[in-house]
N, C-alpha and C. Protein backbone atom coordinates (compact mmCIF):
# COMPACT_ATOMS: atom_id res chain seq x y z
N UNK A 1 9.23 -9.91 12.22
CA UNK A 1 8.37 -9.75 10.87
C UNK A 1 7.73 -9.70 10.89
N UNK A 2 7.83 -8.63 9.03
CA UNK A 2 6.82 -7.68 9.16
C UNK A 2 5.82 -7.98 8.24
N UNK A 3 5.17 -7.68 8.41
CA UNK A 3 3.55 -8.53 7.88
C UNK A 3 3.06 -7.75 6.53
N UNK A 4 2.53 -7.94 5.64
CA UNK A 4 1.45 -6.39 4.86
C UNK A 4 0.39 -7.08 4.61
N UNK A 5 -0.43 -6.48 4.87
CA UNK A 5 -1.94 -7.35 5.64
C UNK A 5 -2.89 -6.47 4.46
N UNK A 6 -3.63 -5.77 3.56
CA UNK A 6 -4.22 -5.02 2.47
C UNK A 6 -5.77 -5.53 2.24
N UNK A 7 -6.94 -4.87 1.82
CA UNK A 7 -7.70 -5.30 2.04
C UNK A 7 -8.65 -5.32 3.07
N UNK A 8 -8.61 -4.87 3.57
CA UNK A 8 -8.99 -4.76 5.50
C UNK A 8 -10.58 -3.93 5.05
N UNK A 9 -10.94 -4.15 5.84
CA UNK A 9 -12.74 -3.18 6.22
C UNK A 9 -12.10 -1.78 6.59
N UNK A 10 -12.36 -1.27 6.58
CA UNK A 10 -12.83 0.08 6.79
C UNK A 10 -13.42 0.36 8.84
N UNK A 11 -13.86 -0.38 8.81
CA UNK A 11 -14.04 -0.53 10.64
C UNK A 11 -12.94 -1.36 11.06
N UNK A 12 -12.29 -2.00 10.61
CA UNK A 12 -10.98 -2.52 11.71
C UNK A 12 -10.00 -1.84 12.08
N UNK A 13 -9.45 -1.91 13.42
CA UNK A 13 -8.80 -1.27 13.92
C UNK A 13 -7.28 -1.91 14.45
N UNK A 14 -6.60 -1.43 14.84
CA UNK A 14 -5.35 -1.74 15.24
C UNK A 14 -5.45 -3.07 16.83
N UNK A 15 -6.64 -2.79 17.12
CA UNK A 15 -6.85 -3.63 18.62
C UNK A 15 -7.29 -5.42 17.71
N UNK A 16 -8.35 -4.99 16.72
CA UNK A 16 -8.65 -6.65 15.88
C UNK A 16 -7.97 -6.90 15.74
N UNK A 17 -7.38 -6.02 15.00
CA UNK A 17 -5.86 -6.37 13.72
C UNK A 17 -4.84 -7.92 14.19
N UNK A 18 -4.59 -6.88 15.49
CA UNK A 18 -3.60 -7.55 16.82
C UNK A 18 -4.12 -9.05 17.06
N UNK A 19 -5.51 -9.01 17.37
CA UNK A 19 -6.29 -9.70 18.30
C UNK A 19 -5.91 -11.17 17.10
N UNK A 20 -6.29 -10.40 16.53
CA UNK A 20 -6.44 -11.71 14.23
C UNK A 20 -4.77 -12.78 15.20
N UNK A 21 -4.58 -11.58 14.58
CA UNK A 21 -2.97 -12.23 14.71
C UNK A 21 -1.88 -12.79 16.20
N UNK A 22 -2.81 -12.26 16.70
CA UNK A 22 -2.31 -12.77 17.88
C UNK A 22 -2.47 -13.96 18.25
N UNK A 23 -3.22 -14.88 17.60
CA UNK A 23 -4.21 -16.05 17.84
C UNK A 23 -2.63 -17.24 17.16
N UNK A 24 -1.50 -16.06 16.37
CA UNK A 24 -0.45 -17.78 15.96
C UNK A 24 0.59 -16.91 16.63
N UNK A 25 0.88 -15.75 17.74
CA UNK A 25 2.16 -15.50 18.28
C UNK A 25 1.88 -13.89 18.74
N UNK A 26 3.12 -14.54 19.25
CA UNK A 26 3.59 -12.48 19.73
C UNK A 26 2.99 -11.54 18.31
N UNK A 27 2.38 -10.28 18.60
CA UNK A 27 2.34 -9.79 18.27
C UNK A 27 3.09 -8.06 18.81
N UNK A 28 4.59 -8.06 18.20
CA UNK A 28 5.21 -7.07 18.81
C UNK A 28 4.50 -5.44 18.80
N UNK A 29 3.36 -5.53 17.09
CA UNK A 29 2.69 -4.11 16.95
C UNK A 29 2.29 -4.54 16.39
N UNK A 30 1.11 -3.31 15.99
CA UNK A 30 -0.39 -3.86 14.31
C UNK A 30 -0.69 -1.93 14.54
N UNK A 31 -0.53 -1.39 12.98
CA UNK A 31 -0.60 -0.50 12.30
C UNK A 31 -1.59 -0.84 11.27
N UNK A 32 -2.76 -0.08 11.21
CA UNK A 32 -3.14 0.45 10.43
C UNK A 32 -3.71 1.77 9.77
N UNK A 33 -2.47 1.77 8.61
CA UNK A 33 -2.17 3.39 7.73
C UNK A 33 -3.15 3.97 7.00
N UNK A 34 -4.14 5.04 7.49
CA UNK A 34 -5.10 5.88 7.08
C UNK A 34 -4.80 7.94 6.50
N UNK A 35 -5.89 7.79 5.51
CA UNK A 35 -5.04 9.01 4.99
C UNK A 35 -4.84 10.17 5.63
N UNK A 36 -3.83 10.65 5.21
CA UNK A 36 -3.16 12.37 5.83
C UNK A 36 -4.71 13.21 5.87
N UNK A 37 -4.88 13.54 5.00
CA UNK A 37 -6.78 14.60 4.91
C UNK A 37 -7.51 13.83 5.45
N UNK A 38 -7.40 13.04 5.32
CA UNK A 38 -9.84 12.42 5.50
C UNK A 38 -9.67 11.92 7.20
N UNK A 39 -8.36 11.07 7.49
CA UNK A 39 -8.28 10.79 8.46
C UNK A 39 -8.35 8.96 8.91
N UNK A 40 -9.33 8.33 7.44
CA UNK A 40 -9.92 7.62 6.88
C UNK A 40 -8.96 6.69 6.47
N UNK A 41 -9.18 5.09 7.13
CA UNK A 41 -8.55 3.99 7.48
C UNK A 41 -8.12 3.90 5.34
N UNK A 42 -7.34 3.36 4.90
CA UNK A 42 -7.03 3.68 2.80
C UNK A 42 -6.73 2.00 3.38
N UNK A 43 -7.12 1.76 3.93
CA UNK A 43 -7.52 0.00 4.37
C UNK A 43 -6.37 -1.31 3.78
N UNK A 44 -5.20 -0.40 4.71
CA UNK A 44 -4.25 -1.54 4.71
C UNK A 44 -3.58 -1.16 6.22
N UNK A 45 -2.62 -2.01 6.45
CA UNK A 45 -1.85 -1.88 7.37
C UNK A 45 -0.12 -3.25 7.60
N UNK A 46 -0.30 -2.52 8.72
CA UNK A 46 0.96 -3.48 9.06
C UNK A 46 0.93 -4.07 10.73
N UNK A 47 1.48 -5.38 10.68
CA UNK A 47 1.48 -5.94 11.65
C UNK A 47 2.92 -6.56 11.75
N UNK A 48 3.84 -6.03 13.25
CA UNK A 48 5.15 -6.76 13.80
C UNK A 48 4.93 -8.32 13.94
N UNK A 49 4.92 -9.55 14.33
CA UNK A 49 5.45 -10.39 14.63
C UNK A 49 7.24 -10.83 15.04
N UNK A 50 7.83 -11.08 15.87
CA UNK A 50 8.98 -10.89 16.19
C UNK A 50 10.06 -12.20 15.81
N UNK A 51 8.58 -13.27 15.88
CA UNK A 51 9.34 -14.77 15.53
C UNK A 51 8.63 -15.17 14.48
N UNK A 52 10.16 -14.91 13.49
CA UNK A 52 10.27 -15.40 12.08
C UNK A 52 8.92 -16.96 11.39
N UNK A 53 9.04 -17.63 12.35
CA UNK A 53 7.75 -18.18 12.42
C UNK A 53 6.23 -19.01 11.93
N UNK A 54 6.12 -17.97 13.68
CA UNK A 54 4.76 -17.54 13.95
C UNK A 54 4.63 -16.89 12.78
N UNK A 55 5.03 -15.89 12.07
CA UNK A 55 4.93 -14.93 11.17
C UNK A 55 4.11 -15.90 10.17
N UNK A 56 5.26 -16.75 9.38
CA UNK A 56 4.73 -17.36 8.40
C UNK A 56 3.63 -18.24 8.71
N UNK A 57 3.78 -18.87 9.47
CA UNK A 57 2.33 -19.75 10.07
C UNK A 57 1.09 -18.53 10.17
N UNK A 58 0.93 -17.43 10.88
CA UNK A 58 0.35 -16.52 10.28
C UNK A 58 -0.34 -15.62 8.50
N UNK A 59 0.71 -16.11 8.63
CA UNK A 59 0.37 -15.70 6.37
C UNK A 59 0.00 -16.52 5.10
N UNK A 60 0.57 -18.04 6.16
CA UNK A 60 -0.49 -18.98 5.79
C UNK A 60 -1.70 -19.38 6.41
N UNK A 61 -1.81 -19.18 7.16
CA UNK A 61 -3.04 -19.27 8.17
C UNK A 61 -4.18 -18.22 6.96
N UNK A 62 -4.06 -17.04 7.26
CA UNK A 62 -4.54 -16.01 7.06
C UNK A 62 -4.11 -15.46 5.60
N UNK A 63 -4.20 -14.90 4.50
CA UNK A 63 -4.06 -15.04 3.22
C UNK A 63 -5.00 -15.85 2.76
N UNK A 64 -6.46 -14.46 2.17
CA UNK A 64 -6.80 -14.48 1.83
C UNK A 64 -8.42 -15.72 2.56
N UNK A 65 -8.18 -15.24 3.69
CA UNK A 65 -8.89 -15.59 4.30
C UNK A 65 -10.45 -14.47 4.18
N UNK A 66 -11.10 -14.80 5.02
CA UNK A 66 -12.65 -13.69 5.60
C UNK A 66 -12.56 -12.97 6.62
N UNK A 67 -12.40 -11.48 6.85
CA UNK A 67 -12.30 -10.87 7.98
C UNK A 67 -12.47 -9.40 8.20
N UNK A 68 -14.08 -9.41 9.15
CA UNK A 68 -14.41 -8.51 9.17
C UNK A 68 -15.38 -8.34 8.15
N UNK A 69 -15.45 -9.76 7.24
CA UNK A 69 -16.71 -9.29 5.75
C UNK A 69 -16.09 -8.56 4.98
N UNK A 70 -14.44 -9.13 4.28
CA UNK A 70 -13.78 -9.15 3.43
C UNK A 70 -11.71 -10.25 2.97
N UNK A 71 -12.38 -10.44 2.54
CA UNK A 71 -11.26 -11.19 1.66
C UNK A 71 -10.49 -10.32 2.31
N UNK A 72 -9.38 -10.85 3.21
CA UNK A 72 -7.79 -9.94 3.51
C UNK A 72 -6.16 -10.80 2.22
N UNK A 73 -5.56 -10.08 2.36
CA UNK A 73 -4.35 -10.41 1.44
C UNK A 73 -2.80 -10.48 2.93
N UNK A 74 -2.31 -11.42 2.85
CA UNK A 74 -1.17 -11.16 4.02
C UNK A 74 -0.42 -11.79 3.11
N UNK A 75 1.08 -11.13 3.25
CA UNK A 75 2.20 -11.66 3.04
C UNK A 75 3.25 -10.70 3.70
N UNK A 76 4.94 -10.97 3.31
CA UNK A 76 5.44 -10.15 4.34
C UNK A 76 5.42 -9.26 3.56
N UNK A 77 5.80 -7.96 4.41
CA UNK A 77 5.65 -6.94 3.65
C UNK A 77 7.58 -6.39 3.22
N UNK A 78 7.45 -5.76 1.79
CA UNK A 78 8.97 -5.56 1.01
C UNK A 78 9.33 -4.44 1.27
N UNK A 79 10.36 -3.96 2.12
CA UNK A 79 10.83 -3.36 3.08
C UNK A 79 10.34 -1.17 1.84
N UNK A 80 10.25 -0.75 2.52
CA UNK A 80 10.05 0.35 1.78
C UNK A 80 11.56 1.16 0.86
N UNK A 81 10.84 1.95 0.09
CA UNK A 81 11.93 1.98 -1.51
C UNK A 81 11.91 3.91 -1.53
N UNK A 82 13.09 4.32 -1.55
CA UNK A 82 12.18 5.49 -1.93
C UNK A 82 12.06 5.72 -3.57
N UNK A 83 11.21 6.62 -3.35
CA UNK A 83 10.26 7.88 -4.35
C UNK A 83 10.95 8.01 -5.46
N UNK A 84 10.73 7.91 -6.97
CA UNK A 84 11.76 8.51 -7.64
C UNK A 84 10.90 9.42 -8.02
N UNK A 85 10.94 11.50 -7.80
CA UNK A 85 10.86 12.52 -8.27
C UNK A 85 10.88 12.32 -9.72
N UNK A 86 9.71 12.77 -10.44
CA UNK A 86 10.33 13.26 -11.74
C UNK A 86 10.91 14.07 -11.65
N UNK A 87 10.85 15.19 -11.48
CA UNK A 87 11.73 16.73 -11.29
C UNK A 87 11.63 17.18 -13.04
N UNK A 88 10.58 16.94 -12.96
CA UNK A 88 9.18 17.38 -14.32
C UNK A 88 9.70 17.57 -15.53
N UNK A 89 10.71 16.27 -15.21
CA UNK A 89 10.60 15.29 -16.62
C UNK A 89 9.67 14.25 -17.30
N UNK A 90 9.22 14.22 -18.28
CA UNK A 90 8.19 13.36 -18.67
C UNK A 90 8.85 11.86 -19.22
N UNK A 91 10.07 11.97 -19.24
CA UNK A 91 10.25 10.52 -19.94
C UNK A 91 10.04 10.12 -20.50
N UNK A 92 9.98 11.90 -21.81
CA UNK A 92 10.02 11.32 -23.38
C UNK A 92 11.36 11.98 -24.15
N UNK A 93 12.40 12.80 -23.15
CA UNK A 93 13.22 13.55 -23.27
C UNK A 93 13.55 14.86 -23.56
N UNK A 94 12.09 15.37 -23.05
CA UNK A 94 12.34 16.37 -22.37
C UNK A 94 11.48 16.71 -21.16
N UNK A 95 11.15 18.22 -21.44
CA UNK A 95 10.46 18.54 -19.98
C UNK A 95 9.23 18.86 -20.28
N UNK A 96 8.65 19.09 -19.32
CA UNK A 96 6.75 19.42 -19.59
C UNK A 96 6.32 20.38 -20.16
N UNK A 97 5.70 20.36 -20.98
CA UNK A 97 4.96 21.95 -20.80
C UNK A 97 5.44 22.07 -22.50
N UNK A 98 4.80 22.79 -24.02
CA UNK A 98 4.65 22.88 -25.06
C UNK A 98 5.78 22.35 -25.96
N UNK A 99 5.69 22.92 -26.83
CA UNK A 99 6.69 22.95 -27.40
C UNK A 99 7.50 21.73 -28.49
N UNK A 100 8.22 22.14 -29.44
CA UNK A 100 8.18 21.23 -30.33
C UNK A 100 7.63 20.44 -31.31
N UNK A 101 6.87 21.05 -31.38
CA UNK A 101 5.54 20.81 -32.43
C UNK A 101 5.83 21.53 -33.53
N UNK A 102 6.16 20.82 -34.89
CA UNK A 102 6.33 21.54 -36.17
C UNK A 102 4.83 20.96 -37.36
N UNK A 103 4.57 22.06 -37.56
CA UNK A 103 3.41 21.56 -38.60
C UNK A 103 2.29 21.43 -37.20
N UNK A 104 1.18 21.13 -38.18
CA UNK A 104 0.02 20.47 -37.73
C UNK A 104 -0.87 22.06 -36.58
N UNK A 105 -1.18 20.94 -35.29
CA UNK A 105 -2.11 21.67 -34.38
C UNK A 105 -3.00 22.48 -34.53
N UNK A 106 -3.37 23.20 -32.94
CA UNK A 106 -4.20 25.25 -33.31
C UNK A 106 -4.39 25.02 -34.12
N UNK A 107 -5.09 26.08 -34.96
CA UNK A 107 -5.54 27.01 -35.61
C UNK A 107 -3.83 27.49 -35.85
N UNK A 108 -3.90 27.17 -37.30
CA UNK A 108 -1.67 26.33 -37.23
C UNK A 108 -1.96 26.73 -39.15
N UNK A 109 -2.88 28.17 -38.98
CA UNK A 109 -3.11 28.25 -41.06
C UNK A 109 -1.73 28.75 -41.94
N UNK A 110 -0.40 28.83 -40.92
CA UNK A 110 0.62 29.24 -41.25
C UNK A 110 1.00 28.48 -42.60
N UNK A 111 0.77 26.90 -42.09
CA UNK A 111 1.05 26.18 -43.29
C UNK A 111 0.27 25.72 -44.36
């Protein structure tokens, strides 16, 4: 079972996260997501527990509890979905950029 953990302290480590969840069963992996540019924690991570019953127990016991000074949120991780690219569309029926304006506008003294 893949478990999503959010609102983590900036000081939380992979080891401390794994230790927390190991109280409820076997942990096959723990991961904290870091910002690509700064390398700093983004405040969330994932824990993989091979036994679904142990994972559900961990979720129920740890959700909204204090961990390293913060109330963490723990839930079943949803599968990653592809991000939809706007492709330059503004979703108002046109492409980005000006144009399409009639009347009004800045310094429009012809009308």
